[in-house]
Amino acid sequence: MSDACFSRWHRCGAFLTVVANILVIFACSEAREHTAPPVNPEDSASVMTTYGVNTLISDSGVIRYRIITERWDVNTTRQPSRWEFLKGIFFEQFDEQFHVQAYIQADTAWYYDQKQLWKLRGRVTLRKANGELTYNSEELYWDGQKHQFYSTVFSRVVTPERTLEGTYFESNEQMTRYMVSNSKGSFLADDIMAEPDSLGE
C-alpha cells in the first residue's frame, strides 16, 4: 500500500473513532429510564370484587345486618379506604334477637371502613319492618360511630299519623327518635302541639 493510501485510511479511521466517541457520549447524556406514569389513586383497582352477594354482618359478635348486592368492591388504595356498591344495595337490619327491624335500599352506596360511615345515594328508602315509618331521600348517611342516620338533602318521612318533609333529617339507628328541620307537612289534630320543625316518638 502506498504512503498516500495509508495516510487516507489512517485519517478515515481516526474520523470514525471520533464519531463513535461522540455517539457514545450523546447516548449516555440522553439516557432515560422508561417507566410508566404513577397510578392515579382514583383509577386504582379494587383488592376484592365479589358478585351476587348475600351475606350477614356482625357487630360486637352479634349478627346485625344482611347485605344483598349485585357487586361489592373493596378498595384499600384510595383514601379514605372504602367498600363500593355501585350496582345498588339492600339491607336488612336485625335486633339482638335476630328479628328484622328495618329494610334499607339505595341505588349506590359507599362504606368508609375507617370512619364506620355509610353513604347511600339515589332513591334511598328506609322502611321499618312493622310499617310504622317510611323514609325517602336521594342521599342518606349512616354513622356507625354515633349510631345515627342523617341527611342534608330533601327528605320525606311518612308514618300512619303524619307526613313530614324537610331539607335536614337526623335519627337514631332504630328510627324511634328523629327530626326534620326546615320542614313542612301534615298532621293529625292530636299532633298539633308537636314542635313544627321536629318530630319524634
N, C-alpha and C. Protein backbone atom coordinates (compact mmCIF):
# COMPACT_ATOMS: atom_id res chain seq x y z
N MET A 1 0.87 -1.18 0.00
CA MET A 1 0.00 0.00 0.00
C MET A 1 0.90 1.23 0.00
N SER A 2 0.52 2.24 -0.82
CA SER A 2 1.33 3.44 -0.91
C SER A 2 1.16 4.29 0.32
N ASP A 3 2.11 5.22 0.51
CA ASP A 3 2.01 6.11 1.68
C ASP A 3 0.77 6.98 1.62
N ALA A 4 0.35 7.37 0.41
CA ALA A 4 -0.83 8.23 0.26
C ALA A 4 -2.08 7.47 0.69
N CYS A 5 -2.21 6.19 0.25
CA CYS A 5 -3.39 5.39 0.63
C CYS A 5 -3.39 5.15 2.13
N PHE A 6 -2.21 4.83 2.69
CA PHE A 6 -2.13 4.56 4.13
C PHE A 6 -2.55 5.80 4.92
N SER A 7 -2.15 6.98 4.43
CA SER A 7 -2.50 8.21 5.12
C SER A 7 -3.99 8.45 5.08
N ARG A 8 -4.62 8.16 3.91
CA ARG A 8 -6.09 8.35 3.82
C ARG A 8 -6.81 7.40 4.75
N TRP A 9 -6.42 6.12 4.80
CA TRP A 9 -7.04 5.14 5.71
C TRP A 9 -6.85 5.54 7.17
N HIS A 10 -5.67 6.07 7.47
CA HIS A 10 -5.40 6.48 8.84
C HIS A 10 -6.33 7.62 9.24
N ARG A 11 -6.49 8.62 8.33
CA ARG A 11 -7.38 9.74 8.64
C ARG A 11 -8.81 9.28 8.75
N CYS A 12 -9.26 8.35 7.90
CA CYS A 12 -10.63 7.83 7.92
C CYS A 12 -10.90 7.09 9.23
N GLY A 13 -9.91 6.26 9.67
CA GLY A 13 -10.07 5.53 10.92
C GLY A 13 -10.16 6.47 12.10
N ALA A 14 -9.34 7.50 12.10
CA ALA A 14 -9.37 8.47 13.19
C ALA A 14 -10.70 9.19 13.24
N PHE A 15 -11.25 9.53 12.06
CA PHE A 15 -12.53 10.22 11.99
C PHE A 15 -13.64 9.34 12.55
N LEU A 16 -13.67 8.04 12.15
CA LEU A 16 -14.70 7.12 12.65
C LEU A 16 -14.60 6.94 14.15
N THR A 17 -13.36 6.93 14.69
CA THR A 17 -13.18 6.81 16.14
C THR A 17 -13.78 8.00 16.86
N VAL A 18 -13.54 9.20 16.32
CA VAL A 18 -14.09 10.41 16.93
C VAL A 18 -15.61 10.39 16.89
N VAL A 19 -16.20 10.01 15.75
CA VAL A 19 -17.66 9.94 15.61
C VAL A 19 -18.25 8.94 16.61
N ALA A 20 -17.60 7.78 16.74
CA ALA A 20 -18.08 6.75 17.67
C ALA A 20 -18.07 7.27 19.10
N ASN A 21 -16.99 7.99 19.47
CA ASN A 21 -16.92 8.54 20.83
C ASN A 21 -18.02 9.58 21.07
N ILE A 22 -18.29 10.40 20.08
CA ILE A 22 -19.36 11.41 20.20
C ILE A 22 -20.71 10.74 20.40
N LEU A 23 -20.97 9.68 19.62
CA LEU A 23 -22.24 8.97 19.73
C LEU A 23 -22.39 8.34 21.11
N VAL A 24 -21.30 7.77 21.64
CA VAL A 24 -21.35 7.17 22.98
C VAL A 24 -21.67 8.22 24.03
N ILE A 25 -20.98 9.37 23.94
CA ILE A 25 -21.22 10.45 24.90
C ILE A 25 -22.65 10.94 24.81
N PHE A 26 -23.16 11.12 23.59
CA PHE A 26 -24.52 11.61 23.38
C PHE A 26 -25.53 10.61 23.93
N ALA A 27 -25.29 9.33 23.66
CA ALA A 27 -26.21 8.30 24.13
C ALA A 27 -26.24 8.27 25.65
N CYS A 28 -25.11 8.43 26.31
CA CYS A 28 -25.07 8.41 27.77
C CYS A 28 -25.76 9.63 28.35
N SER A 29 -25.55 10.80 27.70
CA SER A 29 -26.14 12.01 28.25
C SER A 29 -27.65 12.04 28.06
N GLU A 30 -28.17 11.34 27.05
CA GLU A 30 -29.60 11.34 26.77
C GLU A 30 -30.32 10.11 27.31
N ALA A 31 -29.63 9.28 28.06
CA ALA A 31 -30.27 8.06 28.57
C ALA A 31 -31.40 8.40 29.51
N ARG A 32 -32.54 7.75 29.34
CA ARG A 32 -33.70 7.98 30.17
C ARG A 32 -34.28 6.64 30.64
N GLU A 33 -34.80 6.68 31.82
CA GLU A 33 -35.43 5.47 32.35
C GLU A 33 -36.86 5.42 31.84
N HIS A 34 -37.20 4.33 31.19
CA HIS A 34 -38.54 4.19 30.62
C HIS A 34 -39.46 3.55 31.66
N THR A 35 -40.24 4.40 32.34
CA THR A 35 -41.17 3.92 33.36
C THR A 35 -42.57 4.42 33.05
N ALA A 36 -43.55 3.67 33.50
CA ALA A 36 -44.94 4.07 33.32
C ALA A 36 -45.27 5.18 34.31
N PRO A 37 -46.23 6.05 33.96
CA PRO A 37 -46.62 7.10 34.91
C PRO A 37 -47.23 6.49 36.16
N PRO A 38 -47.18 7.20 37.29
CA PRO A 38 -47.74 6.66 38.53
C PRO A 38 -49.23 6.40 38.40
N VAL A 39 -49.70 5.42 39.12
CA VAL A 39 -51.12 5.08 39.09
C VAL A 39 -51.91 6.15 39.81
N ASN A 40 -52.93 6.65 39.16
CA ASN A 40 -53.83 7.60 39.80
C ASN A 40 -54.63 6.87 40.86
N PRO A 41 -54.63 7.32 42.12
CA PRO A 41 -55.38 6.61 43.17
C PRO A 41 -56.84 6.41 42.83
N GLU A 42 -57.43 7.35 42.07
CA GLU A 42 -58.84 7.21 41.73
C GLU A 42 -59.07 6.13 40.69
N ASP A 43 -58.01 5.71 40.00
CA ASP A 43 -58.14 4.66 38.99
C ASP A 43 -57.61 3.32 39.49
N SER A 44 -57.23 3.25 40.75
CA SER A 44 -56.64 2.03 41.27
C SER A 44 -57.67 0.93 41.35
N ALA A 45 -57.20 -0.28 41.15
CA ALA A 45 -58.10 -1.43 41.13
C ALA A 45 -58.47 -1.86 42.54
N SER A 46 -59.63 -2.48 42.65
CA SER A 46 -60.07 -2.99 43.93
C SER A 46 -59.25 -4.22 44.30
N VAL A 47 -59.06 -4.41 45.59
CA VAL A 47 -58.34 -5.60 46.04
C VAL A 47 -59.29 -6.81 46.08
N MET A 48 -60.59 -6.55 46.08
CA MET A 48 -61.56 -7.64 46.06
C MET A 48 -62.81 -7.18 45.34
N THR A 49 -63.32 -8.00 44.44
CA THR A 49 -64.60 -7.76 43.78
C THR A 49 -65.42 -9.04 43.88
N THR A 50 -66.61 -8.92 44.43
CA THR A 50 -67.48 -10.07 44.62
C THR A 50 -68.83 -9.79 43.97
N TYR A 51 -69.35 -10.79 43.26
CA TYR A 51 -70.63 -10.65 42.58
C TYR A 51 -71.69 -11.53 43.26
N GLY A 52 -72.94 -11.05 43.18
CA GLY A 52 -74.04 -11.83 43.72
C GLY A 52 -73.92 -12.06 45.21
N VAL A 53 -73.81 -10.98 45.98
CA VAL A 53 -73.54 -11.07 47.42
C VAL A 53 -74.85 -11.17 48.20
N ASN A 54 -74.88 -12.11 49.14
CA ASN A 54 -75.94 -12.22 50.13
C ASN A 54 -75.27 -12.67 51.42
N THR A 55 -74.93 -11.73 52.29
CA THR A 55 -74.09 -12.06 53.44
C THR A 55 -74.59 -11.39 54.71
N LEU A 56 -74.25 -11.95 55.85
CA LEU A 56 -74.60 -11.42 57.15
C LEU A 56 -73.39 -10.70 57.75
N ILE A 57 -73.64 -9.57 58.41
CA ILE A 57 -72.59 -8.76 59.02
C ILE A 57 -72.85 -8.69 60.51
N SER A 58 -71.81 -8.95 61.30
CA SER A 58 -71.96 -8.91 62.76
C SER A 58 -71.38 -7.61 63.32
N ASP A 59 -71.87 -7.22 64.48
CA ASP A 59 -71.38 -6.05 65.19
C ASP A 59 -71.21 -6.45 66.65
N SER A 60 -69.97 -6.43 67.15
CA SER A 60 -69.64 -6.86 68.51
C SER A 60 -70.09 -8.29 68.77
N GLY A 61 -69.91 -9.14 67.76
CA GLY A 61 -70.23 -10.55 67.90
C GLY A 61 -71.69 -10.90 67.71
N VAL A 62 -72.53 -9.91 67.42
CA VAL A 62 -73.97 -10.14 67.22
C VAL A 62 -74.31 -9.82 65.76
N ILE A 63 -75.01 -10.74 65.08
CA ILE A 63 -75.40 -10.50 63.69
C ILE A 63 -76.44 -9.39 63.66
N ARG A 64 -76.10 -8.30 62.96
CA ARG A 64 -76.99 -7.14 62.95
C ARG A 64 -77.52 -6.79 61.58
N TYR A 65 -76.87 -7.23 60.50
CA TYR A 65 -77.27 -6.80 59.17
C TYR A 65 -77.13 -7.93 58.16
N ARG A 66 -77.99 -7.90 57.16
CA ARG A 66 -77.83 -8.72 55.96
C ARG A 66 -77.64 -7.75 54.80
N ILE A 67 -76.63 -8.01 53.97
CA ILE A 67 -76.36 -7.19 52.79
C ILE A 67 -76.60 -8.03 51.55
N ILE A 68 -77.41 -7.50 50.64
CA ILE A 68 -77.66 -8.13 49.34
C ILE A 68 -77.29 -7.11 48.27
N THR A 69 -76.39 -7.50 47.37
CA THR A 69 -75.95 -6.58 46.32
C THR A 69 -75.47 -7.37 45.11
N GLU A 70 -75.55 -6.74 43.95
CA GLU A 70 -75.07 -7.38 42.72
C GLU A 70 -73.55 -7.39 42.64
N ARG A 71 -72.92 -6.32 43.17
CA ARG A 71 -71.46 -6.24 43.10
C ARG A 71 -70.92 -5.49 44.32
N TRP A 72 -69.84 -6.03 44.89
CA TRP A 72 -69.20 -5.46 46.08
C TRP A 72 -67.71 -5.34 45.79
N ASP A 73 -67.19 -4.09 45.80
CA ASP A 73 -65.76 -3.83 45.59
C ASP A 73 -65.15 -3.32 46.88
N VAL A 74 -63.98 -3.86 47.22
CA VAL A 74 -63.22 -3.39 48.37
C VAL A 74 -61.96 -2.70 47.86
N ASN A 75 -61.79 -1.43 48.18
CA ASN A 75 -60.65 -0.66 47.70
C ASN A 75 -59.91 -0.06 48.88
N THR A 76 -58.71 -0.57 49.14
CA THR A 76 -57.90 -0.09 50.25
C THR A 76 -56.83 0.90 49.80
N THR A 77 -56.68 1.12 48.48
CA THR A 77 -55.67 2.04 47.97
C THR A 77 -56.16 3.48 48.03
N ARG A 78 -57.40 3.70 47.68
CA ARG A 78 -57.94 5.05 47.72
C ARG A 78 -58.07 5.53 49.16
N GLN A 79 -57.92 6.82 49.34
CA GLN A 79 -58.01 7.41 50.67
C GLN A 79 -59.20 8.35 50.76
N PRO A 80 -60.08 8.14 51.72
CA PRO A 80 -60.05 7.04 52.68
C PRO A 80 -60.44 5.72 52.02
N SER A 81 -60.00 4.60 52.60
CA SER A 81 -60.35 3.29 52.05
C SER A 81 -61.85 3.09 52.14
N ARG A 82 -62.40 2.22 51.26
CA ARG A 82 -63.85 2.13 51.17
C ARG A 82 -64.31 0.81 50.58
N TRP A 83 -65.54 0.48 50.87
CA TRP A 83 -66.27 -0.54 50.13
C TRP A 83 -67.19 0.20 49.17
N GLU A 84 -67.36 -0.35 47.97
CA GLU A 84 -68.20 0.31 46.97
C GLU A 84 -69.29 -0.66 46.50
N PHE A 85 -70.50 -0.14 46.42
CA PHE A 85 -71.65 -0.92 45.95
C PHE A 85 -72.29 -0.10 44.83
N LEU A 86 -71.68 -0.15 43.66
CA LEU A 86 -72.09 0.72 42.56
C LEU A 86 -73.28 0.19 41.79
N LYS A 87 -73.70 -1.04 42.08
CA LYS A 87 -74.86 -1.64 41.41
C LYS A 87 -76.08 -1.69 42.34
N GLY A 88 -76.02 -0.93 43.43
CA GLY A 88 -77.14 -0.90 44.35
C GLY A 88 -76.91 -1.81 45.55
N ILE A 89 -77.73 -1.60 46.60
CA ILE A 89 -77.58 -2.37 47.83
C ILE A 89 -78.93 -2.47 48.53
N PHE A 90 -79.12 -3.59 49.25
CA PHE A 90 -80.31 -3.81 50.06
C PHE A 90 -79.87 -4.35 51.41
N PHE A 91 -80.35 -3.70 52.49
CA PHE A 91 -80.02 -4.12 53.86
C PHE A 91 -81.26 -4.69 54.54
N GLU A 92 -81.02 -5.63 55.44
CA GLU A 92 -81.96 -5.96 56.49
C GLU A 92 -81.25 -5.68 57.81
N GLN A 93 -81.91 -4.97 58.70
CA GLN A 93 -81.33 -4.62 59.99
C GLN A 93 -82.02 -5.44 61.07
N PHE A 94 -81.23 -6.13 61.91
CA PHE A 94 -81.78 -7.02 62.93
C PHE A 94 -81.58 -6.44 64.32
N ASP A 95 -82.47 -6.86 65.26
CA ASP A 95 -82.23 -6.56 66.66
C ASP A 95 -81.41 -7.70 67.27
N GLU A 96 -81.21 -7.67 68.58
CA GLU A 96 -80.37 -8.68 69.22
C GLU A 96 -80.98 -10.08 69.20
N GLN A 97 -82.29 -10.16 68.98
CA GLN A 97 -82.96 -11.46 68.88
C GLN A 97 -83.08 -11.92 67.43
N PHE A 98 -82.39 -11.23 66.52
CA PHE A 98 -82.36 -11.57 65.10
C PHE A 98 -83.72 -11.34 64.43
N HIS A 99 -84.52 -10.44 65.00
CA HIS A 99 -85.76 -10.02 64.35
C HIS A 99 -85.47 -8.84 63.44
N VAL A 100 -86.09 -8.82 62.27
CA VAL A 100 -85.86 -7.73 61.33
C VAL A 100 -86.48 -6.45 61.88
N GLN A 101 -85.65 -5.41 61.99
CA GLN A 101 -86.11 -4.11 62.45
C GLN A 101 -86.48 -3.19 61.29
N ALA A 102 -85.65 -3.22 60.24
CA ALA A 102 -85.85 -2.28 59.14
C ALA A 102 -85.23 -2.81 57.86
N TYR A 103 -85.69 -2.23 56.75
CA TYR A 103 -85.14 -2.52 55.43
C TYR A 103 -84.59 -1.20 54.87
N ILE A 104 -83.43 -1.26 54.24
CA ILE A 104 -82.81 -0.08 53.64
C ILE A 104 -82.33 -0.45 52.24
N GLN A 105 -82.60 0.41 51.28
CA GLN A 105 -82.10 0.16 49.93
C GLN A 105 -81.69 1.47 49.28
N ALA A 106 -80.74 1.38 48.32
CA ALA A 106 -80.25 2.55 47.60
C ALA A 106 -79.67 2.11 46.27
N ASP A 107 -79.62 3.04 45.33
CA ASP A 107 -79.05 2.75 44.01
C ASP A 107 -77.54 2.57 44.06
N THR A 108 -76.88 3.30 44.95
CA THR A 108 -75.42 3.27 45.08
C THR A 108 -75.06 3.47 46.55
N ALA A 109 -73.95 2.85 46.97
CA ALA A 109 -73.53 3.02 48.36
C ALA A 109 -72.03 2.91 48.48
N TRP A 110 -71.48 3.62 49.47
CA TRP A 110 -70.07 3.53 49.83
C TRP A 110 -69.99 3.35 51.34
N TYR A 111 -69.07 2.50 51.77
CA TYR A 111 -68.82 2.33 53.20
C TYR A 111 -67.37 2.67 53.46
N TYR A 112 -67.12 3.72 54.27
CA TYR A 112 -65.76 4.13 54.63
C TYR A 112 -65.42 3.43 55.94
N ASP A 113 -64.67 2.32 55.81
CA ASP A 113 -64.49 1.41 56.94
C ASP A 113 -63.74 2.05 58.10
N GLN A 114 -62.78 2.94 57.85
CA GLN A 114 -62.03 3.56 58.93
C GLN A 114 -62.91 4.53 59.74
N LYS A 115 -63.90 5.11 59.08
CA LYS A 115 -64.81 6.05 59.75
C LYS A 115 -66.11 5.37 60.20
N GLN A 116 -66.33 4.13 59.77
CA GLN A 116 -67.58 3.41 60.02
C GLN A 116 -68.77 4.25 59.53
N LEU A 117 -68.64 4.77 58.32
CA LEU A 117 -69.63 5.68 57.75
C LEU A 117 -70.15 5.14 56.42
N TRP A 118 -71.47 5.01 56.33
CA TRP A 118 -72.13 4.64 55.09
C TRP A 118 -72.64 5.89 54.39
N LYS A 119 -72.49 5.93 53.07
CA LYS A 119 -73.10 6.98 52.25
C LYS A 119 -73.98 6.30 51.22
N LEU A 120 -75.27 6.55 51.28
CA LEU A 120 -76.25 5.95 50.38
C LEU A 120 -76.75 7.02 49.43
N ARG A 121 -76.79 6.69 48.12
CA ARG A 121 -77.20 7.68 47.13
C ARG A 121 -78.22 7.08 46.17
N GLY A 122 -79.15 7.93 45.73
CA GLY A 122 -80.07 7.55 44.66
C GLY A 122 -81.23 6.69 45.11
N ARG A 123 -82.42 7.24 45.17
CA ARG A 123 -83.65 6.52 45.55
C ARG A 123 -83.44 5.73 46.84
N VAL A 124 -83.02 6.45 47.86
CA VAL A 124 -82.80 5.82 49.16
C VAL A 124 -84.15 5.63 49.86
N THR A 125 -84.41 4.42 50.32
CA THR A 125 -85.63 4.11 51.06
C THR A 125 -85.28 3.36 52.33
N LEU A 126 -85.82 3.81 53.45
CA LEU A 126 -85.69 3.12 54.73
C LEU A 126 -87.10 2.86 55.25
N ARG A 127 -87.38 1.62 55.54
CA ARG A 127 -88.73 1.26 55.98
C ARG A 127 -88.65 0.37 57.21
N LYS A 128 -89.35 0.74 58.26
CA LYS A 128 -89.40 -0.10 59.45
C LYS A 128 -90.25 -1.33 59.16
N ALA A 129 -89.83 -2.47 59.72
CA ALA A 129 -90.47 -3.74 59.39
C ALA A 129 -91.94 -3.77 59.81
N ASN A 130 -92.29 -3.04 60.87
CA ASN A 130 -93.68 -3.03 61.33
C ASN A 130 -94.56 -2.06 60.54
N GLY A 131 -94.00 -1.40 59.56
CA GLY A 131 -94.78 -0.49 58.72
C GLY A 131 -95.08 0.85 59.35
N GLU A 132 -94.48 1.15 60.50
CA GLU A 132 -94.79 2.39 61.21
C GLU A 132 -94.12 3.61 60.60
N LEU A 133 -93.08 3.41 59.79
CA LEU A 133 -92.36 4.56 59.25
C LEU A 133 -91.70 4.18 57.93
N THR A 134 -91.76 5.14 56.99
CA THR A 134 -91.03 5.02 55.72
C THR A 134 -90.29 6.32 55.47
N TYR A 135 -89.04 6.20 55.10
CA TYR A 135 -88.19 7.37 54.82
C TYR A 135 -87.72 7.31 53.38
N ASN A 136 -87.76 8.45 52.67
CA ASN A 136 -87.28 8.53 51.28
C ASN A 136 -86.42 9.77 51.09
N SER A 137 -85.34 9.62 50.34
CA SER A 137 -84.46 10.73 50.02
C SER A 137 -83.55 10.31 48.86
N GLU A 138 -82.75 11.26 48.38
CA GLU A 138 -81.75 10.95 47.36
C GLU A 138 -80.37 10.73 47.97
N GLU A 139 -80.24 10.99 49.28
CA GLU A 139 -78.95 10.78 49.93
C GLU A 139 -79.16 10.61 51.43
N LEU A 140 -78.47 9.62 51.99
CA LEU A 140 -78.58 9.37 53.42
C LEU A 140 -77.22 8.88 53.94
N TYR A 141 -76.79 9.43 55.08
CA TYR A 141 -75.57 8.98 55.74
C TYR A 141 -75.95 8.15 56.97
N TRP A 142 -75.14 7.13 57.21
CA TRP A 142 -75.37 6.24 58.35
C TRP A 142 -74.05 6.15 59.12
N ASP A 143 -73.99 6.83 60.27
CA ASP A 143 -72.77 6.93 61.06
C ASP A 143 -72.75 5.81 62.10
N GLY A 144 -71.84 4.84 61.93
CA GLY A 144 -71.77 3.71 62.84
C GLY A 144 -71.12 4.05 64.17
N GLN A 145 -70.35 5.12 64.22
CA GLN A 145 -69.73 5.53 65.47
C GLN A 145 -70.71 6.27 66.36
N LYS A 146 -71.53 7.13 65.76
CA LYS A 146 -72.52 7.88 66.52
C LYS A 146 -73.88 7.16 66.57
N HIS A 147 -73.99 6.08 65.81
CA HIS A 147 -75.24 5.29 65.77
C HIS A 147 -76.43 6.17 65.38
N GLN A 148 -76.27 6.85 64.23
CA GLN A 148 -77.36 7.70 63.78
C GLN A 148 -77.39 7.78 62.25
N PHE A 149 -78.57 8.13 61.74
CA PHE A 149 -78.76 8.46 60.33
C PHE A 149 -78.86 9.98 60.22
N TYR A 150 -78.40 10.53 59.07
CA TYR A 150 -78.65 11.94 58.82
C TYR A 150 -78.58 12.21 57.32
N SER A 151 -79.22 13.30 56.92
CA SER A 151 -79.22 13.72 55.52
C SER A 151 -79.30 15.22 55.45
N THR A 152 -78.64 15.79 54.45
CA THR A 152 -78.67 17.24 54.26
C THR A 152 -79.37 17.63 52.96
N VAL A 153 -80.14 16.70 52.39
CA VAL A 153 -80.93 16.99 51.20
C VAL A 153 -82.40 16.73 51.52
N PHE A 154 -83.26 17.04 50.58
CA PHE A 154 -84.70 16.88 50.79
C PHE A 154 -85.04 15.45 51.23
N SER A 155 -85.79 15.36 52.32
CA SER A 155 -86.17 14.06 52.88
C SER A 155 -87.67 14.05 53.15
N ARG A 156 -88.25 12.84 53.12
CA ARG A 156 -89.68 12.69 53.36
C ARG A 156 -89.90 11.53 54.34
N VAL A 157 -90.59 11.80 55.42
CA VAL A 157 -90.89 10.79 56.44
C VAL A 157 -92.41 10.61 56.48
N VAL A 158 -92.84 9.36 56.37
CA VAL A 158 -94.27 9.06 56.39
C VAL A 158 -94.55 8.04 57.49
N THR A 159 -95.50 8.36 58.36
CA THR A 159 -95.99 7.43 59.37
C THR A 159 -97.51 7.37 59.23
N PRO A 160 -98.18 6.44 59.91
CA PRO A 160 -99.65 6.40 59.83
C PRO A 160 -100.30 7.70 60.32
N GLU A 161 -99.64 8.46 61.16
CA GLU A 161 -100.23 9.66 61.72
C GLU A 161 -99.85 10.94 61.01
N ARG A 162 -98.71 10.94 60.30
CA ARG A 162 -98.21 12.20 59.79
C ARG A 162 -97.31 11.99 58.56
N THR A 163 -97.14 13.07 57.81
CA THR A 163 -96.17 13.12 56.71
C THR A 163 -95.35 14.39 56.89
N LEU A 164 -94.03 14.26 56.85
CA LEU A 164 -93.16 15.41 57.09
C LEU A 164 -92.08 15.46 56.04
N GLU A 165 -91.80 16.67 55.54
CA GLU A 165 -90.76 16.87 54.54
C GLU A 165 -89.85 18.00 54.97
N GLY A 166 -88.56 17.90 54.67
CA GLY A 166 -87.62 18.96 55.02
C GLY A 166 -86.27 18.72 54.39
N THR A 167 -85.36 19.66 54.61
CA THR A 167 -84.04 19.61 53.97
C THR A 167 -82.94 19.10 54.90
N TYR A 168 -83.29 18.79 56.16
CA TYR A 168 -82.32 18.15 57.05
C TYR A 168 -83.03 17.10 57.87
N PHE A 169 -82.41 15.91 57.94
CA PHE A 169 -83.01 14.79 58.67
C PHE A 169 -81.95 14.19 59.59
N GLU A 170 -82.38 13.79 60.79
CA GLU A 170 -81.48 13.13 61.73
C GLU A 170 -82.29 12.15 62.57
N SER A 171 -81.71 10.96 62.83
CA SER A 171 -82.43 9.94 63.58
C SER A 171 -81.45 9.00 64.26
N ASN A 172 -81.92 8.32 65.32
CA ASN A 172 -81.13 7.23 65.87
C ASN A 172 -81.25 6.01 64.96
N GLU A 173 -80.44 4.98 65.19
CA GLU A 173 -80.41 3.82 64.29
C GLU A 173 -81.73 3.05 64.30
N GLN A 174 -82.48 3.12 65.39
CA GLN A 174 -83.74 2.39 65.49
C GLN A 174 -84.91 3.17 64.87
N MET A 175 -84.65 4.41 64.44
CA MET A 175 -85.68 5.27 63.87
C MET A 175 -86.85 5.46 64.84
N THR A 176 -86.55 5.49 66.13
CA THR A 176 -87.57 5.75 67.14
C THR A 176 -87.57 7.21 67.57
N ARG A 177 -86.44 7.89 67.38
CA ARG A 177 -86.36 9.32 67.64
C ARG A 177 -85.72 9.98 66.43
N TYR A 178 -86.43 10.91 65.82
CA TYR A 178 -85.97 11.53 64.60
C TYR A 178 -86.47 12.96 64.54
N MET A 179 -85.84 13.74 63.69
CA MET A 179 -86.29 15.12 63.49
C MET A 179 -85.97 15.56 62.07
N VAL A 180 -86.84 16.47 61.58
CA VAL A 180 -86.67 17.05 60.25
C VAL A 180 -86.73 18.56 60.42
N SER A 181 -85.73 19.27 59.91
CA SER A 181 -85.72 20.73 60.02
C SER A 181 -86.04 21.36 58.68
N ASN A 182 -86.36 22.66 58.71
CA ASN A 182 -86.83 23.38 57.52
C ASN A 182 -87.98 22.60 56.89
N SER A 183 -88.95 22.25 57.72
CA SER A 183 -89.92 21.24 57.32
C SER A 183 -91.26 21.84 56.95
N LYS A 184 -92.03 20.99 56.31
CA LYS A 184 -93.44 21.24 56.07
C LYS A 184 -94.11 19.88 56.08
N GLY A 185 -95.39 19.84 56.42
CA GLY A 185 -96.04 18.53 56.48
C GLY A 185 -97.48 18.64 56.96
N SER A 186 -98.10 17.48 57.09
CA SER A 186 -99.47 17.40 57.55
C SER A 186 -99.52 16.51 58.78
N PHE A 187 -100.42 16.86 59.74
CA PHE A 187 -100.50 16.15 61.00
C PHE A 187 -101.96 15.94 61.38
N LEU A 188 -102.17 14.95 62.21
CA LEU A 188 -103.47 14.78 62.83
C LEU A 188 -103.67 15.81 63.92
N ALA A 189 -104.92 16.03 64.32
CA ALA A 189 -105.20 17.04 65.33
C ALA A 189 -104.48 16.75 66.63
N ASP A 190 -104.28 15.49 66.97
CA ASP A 190 -103.61 15.13 68.22
C ASP A 190 -102.15 15.55 68.24
N ASP A 191 -101.59 15.83 67.07
CA ASP A 191 -100.17 16.18 66.98
C ASP A 191 -99.95 17.69 66.91
N ILE A 192 -101.02 18.48 67.09
CA ILE A 192 -100.91 19.91 66.86
C ILE A 192 -99.94 20.58 67.83
N MET A 193 -99.69 19.95 68.99
CA MET A 193 -98.79 20.52 69.98
C MET A 193 -97.33 20.17 69.71
N ALA A 194 -97.08 19.32 68.72
CA ALA A 194 -95.69 18.94 68.42
C ALA A 194 -94.94 20.12 67.86
N GLU A 195 -93.63 20.15 68.08
CA GLU A 195 -92.79 21.20 67.51
C GLU A 195 -92.88 21.14 66.00
N PRO A 196 -93.10 22.29 65.33
CA PRO A 196 -93.27 22.26 63.87
C PRO A 196 -92.04 21.83 63.10
N ASP A 197 -90.84 21.97 63.69
CA ASP A 197 -89.62 21.64 62.96
C ASP A 197 -88.99 20.36 63.47
N SER A 198 -89.67 19.61 64.30
CA SER A 198 -89.10 18.35 64.75
C SER A 198 -90.20 17.38 65.13
N LEU A 199 -89.92 16.09 64.90
CA LEU A 199 -90.86 15.05 65.23
C LEU A 199 -90.10 13.89 65.83
N GLY A 200 -90.68 13.21 66.77
CA GLY A 200 -90.04 12.02 67.31
C GLY A 200 -91.03 11.21 68.08
N GLU A 201 -90.67 9.99 68.32
CA GLU A 201 -91.54 9.10 69.07
C GLU A 201 -90.81 8.63 70.32
